[in-house]
Amino acid sequence: MELPPSPRRRIYLMRHGAVTYFDETGRPALPELVPLNETGRVQASAAGRAFAAENIGFDRIIVSGLPRTVETAERVVAALPGMADAAMETWPELQEIRGGKLQGISDDKLRDAFIGAFEGEVPEDKRFLDGESVGEFLDRVLPALRRLRDDPNWDTALLVLHGGTNRAILSHAITCGRRVFYGSLMQTAGCINVLDVGDDPLDWVVRMMNYSPPTPVHSGTRHTTMEVLLHQYLRFRDLRGPAS
């Protein structure tokens, strides 16, 4: 007996490809401007080929507007037949959780500032790099997600966003609509998540998380992104001396 058509729509949720946040000396780049590095370009193109192999197309393509999400989406779309002229929507409220100034963080608080917002179930008053709190972050991400769900004029959407933003969306999805942030939901650069949504706000189906087309079984590093970035920053900090 054939099943009737499902009323659910599908979200393909990606993290942008890899970028270089710190140069070889550990000097930080402006996170609002960094482009994909060579690894990131390979990851984005690999994701595009994975979609093309399954003949997947999108009737909505949403990016945060930061260059690394735009470039990733462009490389994905370039691999898809018939989508070369697809329009992208910029939703800045889906940008990454915003950090403060690194120079103002004392040595004894560095680890928590970098990593504390990405460990376990994170309290809403926890701040990322002395900047935005998890609660403030959810205040802008979750309404944007509801706005997308409330719009009936799409069936299959591609969202190319950020590691923290994806965690907020995935935490909401796996709890069927709770306001919660699970920081340990790892998001590899260039990864793909698959979420189905129904008309009921509680109707979420999480089909796949953190699929990385170039490394599908995650055979590489066992460090998190923020652990790597902390290590890179410490090299620069050591050269300049401790913060006052």
C-alpha atoms as a PDB file:
ATOM      1  CA  MET A   1       0.000   0.000   0.000  1.00  0.00           C
ATOM      2  CA  GLU A   2       1.481   3.335  -1.057  1.00  0.00           C
ATOM      3  CA  LEU A   3       1.805   6.017   1.570  1.00  0.00           C
ATOM      4  CA  PRO A   4       0.118   9.373   0.912  1.00  0.00           C
ATOM      5  CA  PRO A   5       2.370  12.403   0.315  1.00  0.00           C
ATOM      6  CA  SER A   6       3.956  13.666   3.525  1.00  0.00           C
ATOM      7  CA  PRO A   7       2.849  17.106   4.714  1.00  0.00           C
ATOM      8  CA  ARG A   8       6.331  17.804   6.006  1.00  0.00           C
ATOM      9  CA  ARG A   9       8.803  20.149   4.352  1.00  0.00           C
ATOM     10  CA  ARG A  10      12.564  19.722   4.414  1.00  0.00           C
ATOM     11  CA  ILE A  11      15.403  21.929   5.638  1.00  0.00           C
ATOM     12  CA  TYR A  12      18.961  21.170   4.608  1.00  0.00           C
ATOM     13  CA  LEU A  13      20.988  22.973   7.240  1.00  0.00           C
ATOM     14  CA  MET A  14      24.686  23.504   6.496  1.00  0.00           C
ATOM     15  CA  ARG A  15      27.570  25.030   8.330  1.00  0.00           C
ATOM     16  CA  HIS A  16      29.819  27.162   6.118  1.00  0.00           C
ATOM     17  CA  GLY A  17      33.114  25.686   4.933  1.00  0.00           C
ATOM     18  CA  ALA A  18      36.361  26.129   6.817  1.00  0.00           C
ATOM     19  CA  VAL A  19      37.937  29.563   7.179  1.00  0.00           C
ATOM     20  CA  THR A  20      41.176  30.874   8.687  1.00  0.00           C
ATOM     21  CA  TYR A  21      40.338  32.938  11.782  1.00  0.00           C
ATOM     22  CA  PHE A  22      43.975  33.328  12.884  1.00  0.00           C
ATOM     23  CA  ASP A  23      47.080  33.663  10.730  1.00  0.00           C
ATOM     24  CA  GLU A  24      50.253  31.605  11.229  1.00  0.00           C
ATOM     25  CA  THR A  25      51.325  33.767  14.166  1.00  0.00           C
ATOM     26  CA  GLY A  26      47.900  33.560  15.824  1.00  0.00           C
ATOM     27  CA  ARG A  27      46.887  37.100  14.885  1.00  0.00           C
ATOM     28  CA  PRO A  28      43.054  37.207  14.646  1.00  0.00           C
ATOM     29  CA  ALA A  29      41.191  38.182  11.482  1.00  0.00           C
ATOM     30  CA  LEU A  30      37.889  40.052  11.457  1.00  0.00           C
ATOM     31  CA  PRO A  31      35.255  37.273  11.666  1.00  0.00           C
ATOM     32  CA  GLU A  32      32.798  39.421   9.690  1.00  0.00           C
ATOM     33  CA  LEU A  33      35.095  39.405   6.657  1.00  0.00           C
ATOM     34  CA  VAL A  34      36.932  36.070   6.489  1.00  0.00           C
ATOM     35  CA  PRO A  35      36.416  34.089   3.260  1.00  0.00           C
ATOM     36  CA  LEU A  36      36.649  30.329   2.854  1.00  0.00           C
ATOM     37  CA  ASN A  37      40.121  28.889   2.823  1.00  0.00           C
ATOM     38  CA  GLU A  38      41.141  26.126   0.395  1.00  0.00           C
ATOM     39  CA  THR A  39      39.792  23.394   2.670  1.00  0.00           C
ATOM     40  CA  GLY A  40      36.506  25.289   2.982  1.00  0.00           C
ATOM     41  CA  ARG A  41      36.179  25.578  -0.769  1.00  0.00           C
ATOM     42  CA  VAL A  42      36.705  21.829  -1.131  1.00  0.00           C
ATOM     43  CA  GLN A  43      34.093  21.156   1.573  1.00  0.00           C
ATOM     44  CA  ALA A  44      31.499  23.426  -0.023  1.00  0.00           C
ATOM     45  CA  SER A  45      31.972  21.932  -3.478  1.00  0.00           C
ATOM     46  CA  ALA A  46      31.790  18.410  -2.034  1.00  0.00           C
ATOM     47  CA  ALA A  47      28.455  19.267  -0.410  1.00  0.00           C
ATOM     48  CA  GLY A  48      27.193  20.542  -3.754  1.00  0.00           C
ATOM     49  CA  ARG A  49      28.163  17.282  -5.433  1.00  0.00           C
ATOM     50  CA  ALA A  50      26.401  15.301  -2.689  1.00  0.00           C
ATOM     51  CA  PHE A  51      23.176  17.209  -3.345  1.00  0.00           C
ATOM     52  CA  ALA A  52      23.585  16.847  -7.115  1.00  0.00           C
ATOM     53  CA  ALA A  53      24.066  13.081  -6.808  1.00  0.00           C
ATOM     54  CA  GLU A  54      20.605  12.862  -5.206  1.00  0.00           C
ATOM     55  CA  ASN A  55      19.022  15.323  -7.679  1.00  0.00           C
ATOM     56  CA  ILE A  56      18.162  17.687  -4.831  1.00  0.00           C
ATOM     57  CA  GLY A  57      17.147  21.250  -5.611  1.00  0.00           C
ATOM     58  CA  PHE A  58      16.031  24.117  -3.405  1.00  0.00           C
ATOM     59  CA  ASP A  59      13.219  26.624  -3.649  1.00  0.00           C
ATOM     60  CA  ARG A  60      14.650  28.719  -0.797  1.00  0.00           C
ATOM     61  CA  ILE A  61      18.347  29.451  -0.187  1.00  0.00           C
ATOM     62  CA  ILE A  62      19.050  31.399   3.000  1.00  0.00           C
ATOM     63  CA  VAL A  63      22.445  32.642   4.204  1.00  0.00           C
ATOM     64  CA  SER A  64      23.442  34.791   7.159  1.00  0.00           C
ATOM     65  CA  GLY A  65      25.092  37.362   4.887  1.00  0.00           C
ATOM     66  CA  LEU A  66      28.620  36.855   6.208  1.00  0.00           C
ATOM     67  CA  PRO A  67      31.021  36.108   3.334  1.00  0.00           C
ATOM     68  CA  ARG A  68      31.763  32.565   4.460  1.00  0.00           C
ATOM     69  CA  THR A  69      28.099  31.560   4.248  1.00  0.00           C
ATOM     70  CA  VAL A  70      27.566  33.289   0.910  1.00  0.00           C
ATOM     71  CA  GLU A  71      30.621  31.672  -0.678  1.00  0.00           C
ATOM     72  CA  THR A  72      29.638  28.241   0.634  1.00  0.00           C
ATOM     73  CA  ALA A  73      26.122  28.564  -0.787  1.00  0.00           C
ATOM     74  CA  GLU A  74      27.492  29.777  -4.117  1.00  0.00           C
ATOM     75  CA  ARG A  75      29.736  26.735  -4.400  1.00  0.00           C
ATOM     76  CA  VAL A  76      26.912  24.381  -3.471  1.00  0.00           C
ATOM     77  CA  VAL A  77      24.565  25.916  -6.033  1.00  0.00           C
ATOM     78  CA  ALA A  78      27.254  25.862  -8.726  1.00  0.00           C
ATOM     79  CA  ALA A  79      27.221  22.062  -8.584  1.00  0.00           C
ATOM     80  CA  LEU A  80      23.442  21.817  -9.072  1.00  0.00           C
ATOM     81  CA  PRO A  81      22.035  21.657 -12.618  1.00  0.00           C
ATOM     82  CA  GLY A  82      19.544  24.400 -13.388  1.00  0.00           C
ATOM     83  CA  MET A  83      20.211  26.441 -10.247  1.00  0.00           C
ATOM     84  CA  ALA A  84      22.933  28.794 -11.469  1.00  0.00           C
ATOM     85  CA  ASP A  85      20.598  31.808 -11.197  1.00  0.00           C
ATOM     86  CA  ALA A  86      19.006  30.822  -7.882  1.00  0.00           C
ATOM     87  CA  ALA A  87      18.368  33.798  -5.609  1.00  0.00           C
ATOM     88  CA  MET A  88      19.821  33.903  -2.108  1.00  0.00           C
ATOM     89  CA  GLU A  89      18.093  35.486   0.852  1.00  0.00           C
ATOM     90  CA  THR A  90      20.167  37.187   3.555  1.00  0.00           C
ATOM     91  CA  TRP A  91      18.877  36.794   7.102  1.00  0.00           C
ATOM     92  CA  PRO A  92      21.370  38.589   9.395  1.00  0.00           C
ATOM     93  CA  GLU A  93      19.510  37.454  12.511  1.00  0.00           C
ATOM     94  CA  LEU A  94      20.933  33.982  11.771  1.00  0.00           C
ATOM     95  CA  GLN A  95      24.547  35.125  12.070  1.00  0.00           C
ATOM     96  CA  GLU A  96      26.884  33.393  14.510  1.00  0.00           C
ATOM     97  CA  ILE A  97      26.753  34.097  18.251  1.00  0.00           C
ATOM     98  CA  ARG A  98      28.716  37.320  18.663  1.00  0.00           C
ATOM     99  CA  GLY A  99      31.861  37.551  20.750  1.00  0.00           C
ATOM    100  CA  GLY A 100      33.355  40.550  22.495  1.00  0.00           C
ATOM    101  CA  LYS A 101      36.939  41.819  22.469  1.00  0.00           C
ATOM    102  CA  LEU A 102      39.549  39.134  23.030  1.00  0.00           C
ATOM    103  CA  GLN A 103      42.040  41.612  24.471  1.00  0.00           C
ATOM    104  CA  GLY A 104      39.812  42.256  27.459  1.00  0.00           C
ATOM    105  CA  ILE A 105      39.645  38.616  28.588  1.00  0.00           C
ATOM    106  CA  SER A 106      42.093  37.715  31.349  1.00  0.00           C
ATOM    107  CA  ASP A 107      44.283  34.630  31.018  1.00  0.00           C
ATOM    108  CA  ASP A 108      42.426  32.670  33.698  1.00  0.00           C
ATOM    109  CA  LYS A 109      39.102  33.165  31.890  1.00  0.00           C
ATOM    110  CA  LEU A 110      40.224  32.411  28.348  1.00  0.00           C
ATOM    111  CA  ARG A 111      39.284  28.745  28.250  1.00  0.00           C
ATOM    112  CA  ASP A 112      35.771  29.346  29.552  1.00  0.00           C
ATOM    113  CA  ALA A 113      35.313  32.342  27.244  1.00  0.00           C
ATOM    114  CA  PHE A 114      36.179  30.262  24.178  1.00  0.00           C
ATOM    115  CA  ILE A 115      34.681  26.904  25.097  1.00  0.00           C
ATOM    116  CA  GLY A 116      32.127  27.403  27.872  1.00  0.00           C
ATOM    117  CA  ALA A 117      29.269  28.246  25.495  1.00  0.00           C
ATOM    118  CA  PHE A 118      29.792  24.953  23.661  1.00  0.00           C
ATOM    119  CA  GLU A 119      29.746  22.452  26.514  1.00  0.00           C
ATOM    120  CA  GLY A 120      26.637  20.462  27.396  1.00  0.00           C
ATOM    121  CA  GLU A 121      23.314  22.176  28.044  1.00  0.00           C
ATOM    122  CA  VAL A 122      24.385  25.807  28.240  1.00  0.00           C
ATOM    123  CA  PRO A 123      22.616  28.277  30.574  1.00  0.00           C
ATOM    124  CA  GLU A 124      21.158  31.328  28.883  1.00  0.00           C
ATOM    125  CA  ASP A 125      23.311  33.755  30.858  1.00  0.00           C
ATOM    126  CA  LYS A 126      26.542  32.205  29.543  1.00  0.00           C
ATOM    127  CA  ARG A 127      28.387  34.663  27.296  1.00  0.00           C
ATOM    128  CA  PHE A 128      30.530  33.773  24.307  1.00  0.00           C
ATOM    129  CA  LEU A 129      33.930  35.486  24.384  1.00  0.00           C
ATOM    130  CA  ASP A 130      32.513  38.112  26.760  1.00  0.00           C
ATOM    131  CA  GLY A 131      30.011  39.110  24.081  1.00  0.00           C
ATOM    132  CA  GLU A 132      26.480  37.956  23.351  1.00  0.00           C
ATOM    133  CA  SER A 133      24.793  35.649  25.836  1.00  0.00           C
ATOM    134  CA  VAL A 134      23.158  32.390  24.799  1.00  0.00           C
ATOM    135  CA  GLY A 135      19.779  33.862  25.747  1.00  0.00           C
ATOM    136  CA  GLU A 136      20.314  36.933  23.576  1.00  0.00           C
ATOM    137  CA  PHE A 137      21.423  34.634  20.758  1.00  0.00           C
ATOM    138  CA  LEU A 138      18.263  32.509  21.015  1.00  0.00           C
ATOM    139  CA  ASP A 139      16.175  35.691  21.091  1.00  0.00           C
ATOM    140  CA  ARG A 140      17.143  36.387  17.486  1.00  0.00           C
ATOM    141  CA  VAL A 141      17.589  32.873  16.038  1.00  0.00           C
ATOM    142  CA  LEU A 142      14.363  31.213  17.190  1.00  0.00           C
ATOM    143  CA  PRO A 143      11.974  33.928  15.900  1.00  0.00           C
ATOM    144  CA  ALA A 144      13.709  33.738  12.509  1.00  0.00           C
ATOM    145  CA  LEU A 145      13.209  29.988  12.490  1.00  0.00           C
ATOM    146  CA  ARG A 146       9.519  30.430  13.312  1.00  0.00           C
ATOM    147  CA  ARG A 147       9.199  32.972  10.511  1.00  0.00           C
ATOM    148  CA  LEU A 148      10.566  30.447   8.045  1.00  0.00           C
ATOM    149  CA  ARG A 149       8.225  27.732   9.266  1.00  0.00           C
ATOM    150  CA  ASP A 150       5.218  30.052   9.178  1.00  0.00           C
ATOM    151  CA  ASP A 151       5.801  30.849   5.501  1.00  0.00           C
ATOM    152  CA  PRO A 152       3.969  28.195   3.437  1.00  0.00           C
ATOM    153  CA  ASN A 153       5.597  29.171   0.146  1.00  0.00           C
ATOM    154  CA  TRP A 154       8.428  26.662   0.097  1.00  0.00           C
ATOM    155  CA  ASP A 155       9.013  22.929   0.190  1.00  0.00           C
ATOM    156  CA  THR A 156      12.798  22.389   0.306  1.00  0.00           C
ATOM    157  CA  ALA A 157      15.113  24.991   1.811  1.00  0.00           C
ATOM    158  CA  LEU A 158      18.882  25.252   2.060  1.00  0.00           C
ATOM    159  CA  LEU A 159      20.182  27.216   5.052  1.00  0.00           C
ATOM    160  CA  VAL A 160      23.925  27.909   5.099  1.00  0.00           C
ATOM    161  CA  LEU A 161      24.763  29.240   8.535  1.00  0.00           C
ATOM    162  CA  HIS A 162      27.234  28.830  11.406  1.00  0.00           C
ATOM    163  CA  GLY A 163      28.281  26.309  14.023  1.00  0.00           C
ATOM    164  CA  GLY A 164      26.559  28.088  16.904  1.00  0.00           C
ATOM    165  CA  THR A 165      23.456  28.994  14.902  1.00  0.00           C
ATOM    166  CA  ASN A 166      23.100  25.414  13.743  1.00  0.00           C
ATOM    167  CA  ARG A 167      23.387  24.197  17.332  1.00  0.00           C
ATOM    168  CA  ALA A 168      20.543  26.520  18.338  1.00  0.00           C
ATOM    169  CA  ILE A 169      18.328  25.196  15.530  1.00  0.00           C
ATOM    170  CA  LEU A 170      19.256  21.555  16.152  1.00  0.00           C
ATOM    171  CA  SER A 171      18.693  21.909  19.909  1.00  0.00           C
ATOM    172  CA  HIS A 172      15.241  23.314  19.175  1.00  0.00           C
ATOM    173  CA  ALA A 173      14.490  20.525  16.695  1.00  0.00           C
ATOM    174  CA  ILE A 174      15.619  17.511  18.714  1.00  0.00           C
ATOM    175  CA  THR A 175      13.550  18.692  21.696  1.00  0.00           C
ATOM    176  CA  CYS A 176      10.490  19.365  19.480  1.00  0.00           C
ATOM    177  CA  GLY A 177      10.437  23.080  20.087  1.00  0.00           C
ATOM    178  CA  ARG A 178      12.084  23.694  23.457  1.00  0.00           C
ATOM    179  CA  ARG A 179      14.130  26.826  24.064  1.00  0.00           C
ATOM    180  CA  VAL A 180      17.439  25.173  24.886  1.00  0.00           C
ATOM    181  CA  PHE A 181      21.028  25.259  23.663  1.00  0.00           C
ATOM    182  CA  TYR A 182      23.132  22.105  23.511  1.00  0.00           C
ATOM    183  CA  GLY A 183      26.670  23.266  22.909  1.00  0.00           C
ATOM    184  CA  SER A 184      28.092  19.782  22.382  1.00  0.00           C
ATOM    185  CA  LEU A 185      26.268  19.209  19.089  1.00  0.00           C
ATOM    186  CA  MET A 186      29.398  19.317  16.945  1.00  0.00           C
ATOM    187  CA  GLN A 187      29.143  20.991  13.548  1.00  0.00           C
ATOM    188  CA  THR A 188      32.053  20.204  11.240  1.00  0.00           C
ATOM    189  CA  ALA A 189      32.887  22.873   8.678  1.00  0.00           C
ATOM    190  CA  GLY A 190      30.866  22.250   5.525  1.00  0.00           C
ATOM    191  CA  CYS A 191      28.562  19.727   7.197  1.00  0.00           C
ATOM    192  CA  ILE A 192      24.948  18.952   6.252  1.00  0.00           C
ATOM    193  CA  ASN A 193      21.998  18.372   8.605  1.00  0.00           C
ATOM    194  CA  VAL A 194      18.559  17.230   7.438  1.00  0.00           C
ATOM    195  CA  LEU A 195      15.411  18.355   9.257  1.00  0.00           C
ATOM    196  CA  ASP A 196      11.766  17.798   8.346  1.00  0.00           C
ATOM    197  CA  VAL A 197       9.072  20.130   9.679  1.00  0.00           C
ATOM    198  CA  GLY A 198       5.303  19.740   9.783  1.00  0.00           C
ATOM    199  CA  ASP A 199       2.550  22.274  10.297  1.00  0.00           C
ATOM    200  CA  ASP A 200       2.411  21.672  14.042  1.00  0.00           C
ATOM    201  CA  PRO A 201       5.173  23.660  15.822  1.00  0.00           C
ATOM    202  CA  LEU A 202       6.147  20.470  17.699  1.00  0.00           C
ATOM    203  CA  ASP A 203       6.440  18.416  14.505  1.00  0.00           C
ATOM    204  CA  TRP A 204      10.168  18.087  13.952  1.00  0.00           C
ATOM    205  CA  VAL A 205      11.943  15.060  12.482  1.00  0.00           C
ATOM    206  CA  VAL A 206      15.745  15.059  12.690  1.00  0.00           C
ATOM    207  CA  ARG A 207      16.955  12.765   9.917  1.00  0.00           C
ATOM    208  CA  MET A 208      20.674  13.464   9.874  1.00  0.00           C
ATOM    209  CA  MET A 209      23.224  15.587  11.731  1.00  0.00           C
ATOM    210  CA  ASN A 210      26.779  16.659  10.978  1.00  0.00           C
ATOM    211  CA  TYR A 211      27.275  14.731   7.733  1.00  0.00           C
ATOM    212  CA  SER A 212      30.601  15.832   6.224  1.00  0.00           C
ATOM    213  CA  PRO A 213      30.860  14.789   2.560  1.00  0.00           C
ATOM    214  CA  PRO A 214      34.705  14.850   2.405  1.00  0.00           C
ATOM    215  CA  THR A 215      35.050  12.939   5.724  1.00  0.00           C
ATOM    216  CA  PRO A 216      31.800  11.009   6.278  1.00  0.00           C
ATOM    217  CA  VAL A 217      33.101   8.960   9.220  1.00  0.00           C
ATOM    218  CA  HIS A 218      34.945  11.892  10.859  1.00  0.00           C
ATOM    219  CA  SER A 219      38.358  10.222  10.868  1.00  0.00           C
ATOM    220  CA  GLY A 220      40.262  13.469  11.511  1.00  0.00           C
ATOM    221  CA  THR A 221      40.834  15.575  14.611  1.00  0.00           C
ATOM    222  CA  ARG A 222      39.113  14.929  17.926  1.00  0.00           C
ATOM    223  CA  HIS A 223      39.413  18.563  18.996  1.00  0.00           C
ATOM    224  CA  THR A 224      36.455  20.894  18.681  1.00  0.00           C
ATOM    225  CA  THR A 225      36.560  24.013  16.530  1.00  0.00           C
ATOM    226  CA  MET A 226      36.785  26.281  19.569  1.00  0.00           C
ATOM    227  CA  GLU A 227      39.593  24.220  21.120  1.00  0.00           C
ATOM    228  CA  VAL A 228      41.596  24.651  17.924  1.00  0.00           C
ATOM    229  CA  LEU A 229      40.874  28.388  17.840  1.00  0.00           C
ATOM    230  CA  LEU A 230      41.861  28.795  21.479  1.00  0.00           C
ATOM    231  CA  HIS A 231      45.177  27.074  20.780  1.00  0.00           C
ATOM    232  CA  GLN A 232      45.806  29.345  17.796  1.00  0.00           C
ATOM    233  CA  TYR A 233      44.961  32.462  19.779  1.00  0.00           C
ATOM    234  CA  LEU A 234      47.181  31.480  22.706  1.00  0.00           C
ATOM    235  CA  ARG A 235      50.204  31.477  20.417  1.00  0.00           C
ATOM    236  CA  PHE A 236      49.469  35.101  19.508  1.00  0.00           C
ATOM    237  CA  ARG A 237      48.713  36.002  23.125  1.00  0.00           C
ATOM    238  CA  ASP A 238      52.003  34.509  24.317  1.00  0.00           C
ATOM    239  CA  LEU A 239      53.892  36.688  21.889  1.00  0.00           C
ATOM    240  CA  ARG A 240      52.137  39.868  23.009  1.00  0.00           C
ATOM    241  CA  GLY A 241      52.045  39.145  26.725  1.00  0.00           C
ATOM    242  CA  PRO A 242      49.043  38.714  29.048  1.00  0.00           C
ATOM    243  CA  ALA A 243      46.040  41.005  28.970  1.00  0.00           C
ATOM    244  CA  SER A 244      45.951  43.728  31.579  1.00  0.00           C
END
